[in-house]
Amino acid sequence: NVLGHNRIISILSATLGGIPLYVCGGAVIPVLQVLRDSGMDKGAILAFFISGPGTKFSTLVALTQTLTKEAFMLYLTIVFSGAVLFGFVYSAWR
């Protein structure tokens, strides 16, 4: 219900869920196929797929070592807002 009916909630939830649940691109595909078959919105799937790699632990550690705090926060803002934006656009485009 949360990831399928209300586009706003489903895309935001999937974007936030991509952070702790992301493993790697290949391993997450079967999980997303099951969620899609269960009724997950396609925009939420894309938002999950974008936010996961962008906030992977190893990526964040490398970026904190190379970027200033302001640049790191800008990066996170772009990843989250981009995932949400593209999720909405893809969900609306049928």
N, C-alpha and C. Protein backbone atom coordinates (compact mmCIF):
# COMPACT_ATOMS: atom_id res chain seq x y z
N ASN A 1 0.82 -1.21 0.00
CA ASN A 1 0.00 0.00 0.00
C ASN A 1 0.86 1.26 0.00
N VAL A 2 1.89 1.29 0.84
CA VAL A 2 2.70 2.50 0.98
C VAL A 2 3.45 2.82 -0.31
N LEU A 3 3.90 1.81 -1.02
CA LEU A 3 4.74 2.05 -2.19
C LEU A 3 3.99 1.99 -3.51
N GLY A 4 2.66 1.96 -3.47
CA GLY A 4 1.97 1.83 -4.73
C GLY A 4 0.84 2.79 -5.00
N HIS A 5 0.08 3.18 -4.00
CA HIS A 5 -1.15 3.93 -4.26
C HIS A 5 -0.94 5.44 -4.31
N ASN A 6 -0.32 5.99 -3.33
CA ASN A 6 -0.11 7.44 -3.27
C ASN A 6 1.26 7.75 -3.83
N ARG A 7 1.30 8.41 -4.99
CA ARG A 7 2.57 8.66 -5.67
C ARG A 7 3.55 9.44 -4.82
N ILE A 8 3.10 10.44 -4.11
CA ILE A 8 4.00 11.27 -3.32
C ILE A 8 4.65 10.45 -2.21
N ILE A 9 3.85 9.74 -1.46
CA ILE A 9 4.38 8.94 -0.35
C ILE A 9 5.24 7.80 -0.87
N SER A 10 4.83 7.16 -1.95
CA SER A 10 5.59 6.02 -2.45
C SER A 10 6.97 6.43 -2.96
N ILE A 11 7.05 7.54 -3.65
CA ILE A 11 8.34 7.98 -4.18
C ILE A 11 9.25 8.47 -3.06
N LEU A 12 8.71 9.22 -2.12
CA LEU A 12 9.53 9.68 -0.99
C LEU A 12 9.99 8.49 -0.14
N SER A 13 9.11 7.54 0.10
CA SER A 13 9.47 6.36 0.90
C SER A 13 10.55 5.53 0.19
N ALA A 14 10.40 5.35 -1.11
CA ALA A 14 11.39 4.58 -1.85
C ALA A 14 12.73 5.29 -1.89
N THR A 15 12.71 6.61 -2.00
CA THR A 15 13.97 7.36 -2.01
C THR A 15 14.69 7.19 -0.67
N LEU A 16 13.97 7.32 0.41
CA LEU A 16 14.58 7.13 1.74
C LEU A 16 14.94 5.67 1.98
N GLY A 17 14.15 4.75 1.45
CA GLY A 17 14.44 3.33 1.62
C GLY A 17 15.65 2.87 0.84
N GLY A 18 15.99 3.59 -0.20
CA GLY A 18 17.17 3.23 -0.98
C GLY A 18 18.47 3.38 -0.23
N ILE A 19 18.46 4.17 0.82
CA ILE A 19 19.70 4.40 1.59
C ILE A 19 20.12 3.14 2.35
N PRO A 20 19.32 2.63 3.27
CA PRO A 20 19.80 1.48 4.04
C PRO A 20 19.64 0.14 3.33
N LEU A 21 18.79 0.06 2.32
CA LEU A 21 18.49 -1.22 1.70
C LEU A 21 19.32 -1.53 0.47
N TYR A 22 20.10 -0.59 -0.01
CA TYR A 22 20.83 -0.80 -1.26
C TYR A 22 22.04 -1.68 -1.03
N VAL A 23 22.19 -2.69 -1.88
CA VAL A 23 23.35 -3.57 -1.81
C VAL A 23 24.22 -3.34 -3.04
N CYS A 24 23.73 -3.69 -4.20
CA CYS A 24 24.41 -3.42 -5.47
C CYS A 24 23.38 -3.49 -6.58
N GLY A 25 23.71 -2.97 -7.73
CA GLY A 25 22.75 -2.89 -8.83
C GLY A 25 22.20 -4.23 -9.25
N GLY A 26 23.04 -5.22 -9.37
CA GLY A 26 22.59 -6.53 -9.82
C GLY A 26 21.74 -7.27 -8.80
N ALA A 27 22.07 -7.14 -7.53
CA ALA A 27 21.35 -7.87 -6.49
C ALA A 27 20.01 -7.25 -6.17
N VAL A 28 19.82 -5.97 -6.45
CA VAL A 28 18.58 -5.31 -6.09
C VAL A 28 17.50 -5.51 -7.15
N ILE A 29 17.87 -5.91 -8.36
CA ILE A 29 16.90 -6.07 -9.44
C ILE A 29 15.83 -7.10 -9.11
N PRO A 30 16.16 -8.30 -8.63
CA PRO A 30 15.09 -9.24 -8.29
C PRO A 30 14.17 -8.73 -7.17
N VAL A 31 14.72 -8.00 -6.22
CA VAL A 31 13.90 -7.43 -5.15
C VAL A 31 12.92 -6.43 -5.72
N LEU A 32 13.39 -5.57 -6.61
CA LEU A 32 12.51 -4.57 -7.21
C LEU A 32 11.48 -5.21 -8.13
N GLN A 33 11.82 -6.34 -8.77
CA GLN A 33 10.84 -7.04 -9.59
C GLN A 33 9.70 -7.57 -8.73
N VAL A 34 10.02 -8.11 -7.57
CA VAL A 34 8.99 -8.60 -6.66
C VAL A 34 8.14 -7.44 -6.16
N LEU A 35 8.76 -6.33 -5.81
CA LEU A 35 8.00 -5.16 -5.35
C LEU A 35 7.12 -4.61 -6.47
N ARG A 36 7.63 -4.60 -7.70
CA ARG A 36 6.82 -4.14 -8.83
C ARG A 36 5.61 -5.05 -9.03
N ASP A 37 5.84 -6.35 -8.94
CA ASP A 37 4.74 -7.31 -9.10
C ASP A 37 3.74 -7.19 -7.96
N SER A 38 4.19 -6.67 -6.82
CA SER A 38 3.29 -6.47 -5.68
C SER A 38 2.56 -5.13 -5.75
N GLY A 39 2.87 -4.31 -6.75
CA GLY A 39 2.16 -3.06 -6.92
C GLY A 39 2.95 -1.80 -6.66
N MET A 40 4.26 -1.90 -6.55
CA MET A 40 5.07 -0.71 -6.31
C MET A 40 5.02 0.19 -7.54
N ASP A 41 4.88 1.48 -7.33
CA ASP A 41 4.83 2.46 -8.41
C ASP A 41 6.16 2.48 -9.15
N LYS A 42 6.11 2.61 -10.48
CA LYS A 42 7.34 2.58 -11.27
C LYS A 42 8.24 3.79 -10.99
N GLY A 43 7.65 4.91 -10.63
CA GLY A 43 8.46 6.07 -10.23
C GLY A 43 9.18 5.82 -8.92
N ALA A 44 8.54 5.09 -8.01
CA ALA A 44 9.18 4.74 -6.74
C ALA A 44 10.34 3.79 -6.98
N ILE A 45 10.19 2.88 -7.94
CA ILE A 45 11.28 1.97 -8.27
C ILE A 45 12.48 2.75 -8.77
N LEU A 46 12.25 3.71 -9.66
CA LEU A 46 13.35 4.53 -10.17
C LEU A 46 13.99 5.35 -9.07
N ALA A 47 13.19 5.94 -8.19
CA ALA A 47 13.73 6.74 -7.09
C ALA A 47 14.61 5.87 -6.18
N PHE A 48 14.17 4.66 -5.90
CA PHE A 48 14.95 3.72 -5.10
C PHE A 48 16.27 3.41 -5.79
N PHE A 49 16.19 3.16 -7.09
CA PHE A 49 17.36 2.79 -7.87
C PHE A 49 18.37 3.93 -7.99
N ILE A 50 17.91 5.17 -7.95
CA ILE A 50 18.82 6.33 -8.02
C ILE A 50 19.44 6.62 -6.65
N SER A 51 18.62 6.61 -5.60
CA SER A 51 19.12 7.02 -4.28
C SER A 51 20.06 5.99 -3.67
N GLY A 52 19.90 4.72 -4.00
CA GLY A 52 20.74 3.69 -3.42
C GLY A 52 22.22 3.83 -3.73
N PRO A 53 22.60 3.83 -5.01
CA PRO A 53 24.03 3.95 -5.33
C PRO A 53 24.62 5.30 -4.93
N GLY A 54 23.80 6.33 -4.98
CA GLY A 54 24.29 7.66 -4.62
C GLY A 54 24.60 7.83 -3.15
N THR A 55 23.99 6.99 -2.32
CA THR A 55 24.21 7.08 -0.88
C THR A 55 24.83 5.81 -0.30
N LYS A 56 25.48 5.05 -1.16
CA LYS A 56 26.16 3.85 -0.70
C LYS A 56 27.26 4.25 0.29
N PHE A 57 27.46 3.44 1.30
CA PHE A 57 28.39 3.77 2.38
C PHE A 57 29.79 4.09 1.85
N SER A 58 30.31 3.26 0.96
CA SER A 58 31.67 3.51 0.46
C SER A 58 31.75 4.81 -0.33
N THR A 59 30.69 5.14 -1.06
CA THR A 59 30.65 6.40 -1.79
C THR A 59 30.66 7.58 -0.84
N LEU A 60 29.84 7.51 0.19
CA LEU A 60 29.77 8.61 1.15
C LEU A 60 31.08 8.81 1.91
N VAL A 61 31.74 7.72 2.27
CA VAL A 61 33.03 7.83 2.97
C VAL A 61 34.06 8.49 2.06
N ALA A 62 34.11 8.08 0.81
CA ALA A 62 35.07 8.68 -0.12
C ALA A 62 34.77 10.16 -0.33
N LEU A 63 33.50 10.51 -0.43
CA LEU A 63 33.16 11.91 -0.65
C LEU A 63 33.45 12.78 0.57
N THR A 64 33.24 12.24 1.78
CA THR A 64 33.53 13.04 2.97
C THR A 64 35.03 13.32 3.10
N GLN A 65 35.85 12.45 2.53
CA GLN A 65 37.29 12.65 2.60
C GLN A 65 37.79 13.63 1.54
N THR A 66 37.01 13.83 0.48
CA THR A 66 37.49 14.67 -0.61
C THR A 66 36.75 16.00 -0.75
N LEU A 67 35.55 16.11 -0.21
CA LEU A 67 34.75 17.32 -0.37
C LEU A 67 34.66 18.11 0.93
N THR A 68 34.38 19.38 0.81
CA THR A 68 34.07 20.18 1.99
C THR A 68 32.67 19.79 2.48
N LYS A 69 32.32 20.19 3.68
CA LYS A 69 30.99 19.87 4.22
C LYS A 69 29.88 20.47 3.37
N GLU A 70 30.10 21.67 2.88
CA GLU A 70 29.08 22.32 2.05
C GLU A 70 28.89 21.57 0.74
N ALA A 71 29.99 21.17 0.12
CA ALA A 71 29.91 20.43 -1.14
C ALA A 71 29.28 19.06 -0.92
N PHE A 72 29.59 18.43 0.21
CA PHE A 72 28.99 17.13 0.53
C PHE A 72 27.48 17.25 0.73
N MET A 73 27.05 18.29 1.44
CA MET A 73 25.62 18.50 1.64
C MET A 73 24.93 18.82 0.31
N LEU A 74 25.60 19.56 -0.55
CA LEU A 74 25.05 19.84 -1.88
C LEU A 74 24.90 18.55 -2.68
N TYR A 75 25.88 17.67 -2.59
CA TYR A 75 25.80 16.37 -3.25
C TYR A 75 24.58 15.59 -2.78
N LEU A 76 24.41 15.49 -1.45
CA LEU A 76 23.27 14.75 -0.92
C LEU A 76 21.94 15.38 -1.34
N THR A 77 21.89 16.69 -1.36
CA THR A 77 20.67 17.38 -1.79
C THR A 77 20.35 17.07 -3.25
N ILE A 78 21.37 17.07 -4.08
CA ILE A 78 21.16 16.78 -5.50
C ILE A 78 20.72 15.33 -5.70
N VAL A 79 21.33 14.40 -4.97
CA VAL A 79 20.94 12.99 -5.10
C VAL A 79 19.49 12.79 -4.69
N PHE A 80 19.11 13.32 -3.52
CA PHE A 80 17.74 13.14 -3.05
C PHE A 80 16.73 13.85 -3.93
N SER A 81 16.99 15.11 -4.24
CA SER A 81 16.02 15.84 -5.05
C SER A 81 15.96 15.28 -6.47
N GLY A 82 17.08 14.84 -7.00
CA GLY A 82 17.08 14.22 -8.33
C GLY A 82 16.31 12.92 -8.35
N ALA A 83 16.49 12.10 -7.32
CA ALA A 83 15.76 10.83 -7.25
C ALA A 83 14.26 11.08 -7.17
N VAL A 84 13.86 12.03 -6.34
CA VAL A 84 12.43 12.34 -6.20
C VAL A 84 11.89 12.93 -7.50
N LEU A 85 12.60 13.88 -8.07
CA LEU A 85 12.15 14.53 -9.30
C LEU A 85 12.00 13.52 -10.43
N PHE A 86 13.03 12.73 -10.67
CA PHE A 86 12.95 11.75 -11.74
C PHE A 86 11.90 10.67 -11.45
N GLY A 87 11.70 10.34 -10.18
CA GLY A 87 10.64 9.41 -9.82
C GLY A 87 9.28 9.95 -10.19
N PHE A 88 9.03 11.22 -9.90
CA PHE A 88 7.75 11.83 -10.25
C PHE A 88 7.57 11.92 -11.76
N VAL A 89 8.60 12.33 -12.47
CA VAL A 89 8.51 12.47 -13.92
C VAL A 89 8.24 11.10 -14.56
N TYR A 90 8.97 10.10 -14.13
CA TYR A 90 8.81 8.77 -14.70
C TYR A 90 7.46 8.17 -14.34
N SER A 91 6.99 8.44 -13.15
CA SER A 91 5.69 7.92 -12.72
C SER A 91 4.56 8.57 -13.51
N ALA A 92 4.71 9.84 -13.83
CA ALA A 92 3.66 10.55 -14.56
C ALA A 92 3.68 10.23 -16.05
N TRP A 93 4.84 9.79 -16.55
CA TRP A 93 4.99 9.50 -17.96
C TRP A 93 4.56 8.06 -18.22
N ARG A 94 3.42 7.87 -18.80
CA ARG A 94 2.91 6.51 -19.03
C ARG A 94 2.90 6.17 -20.48
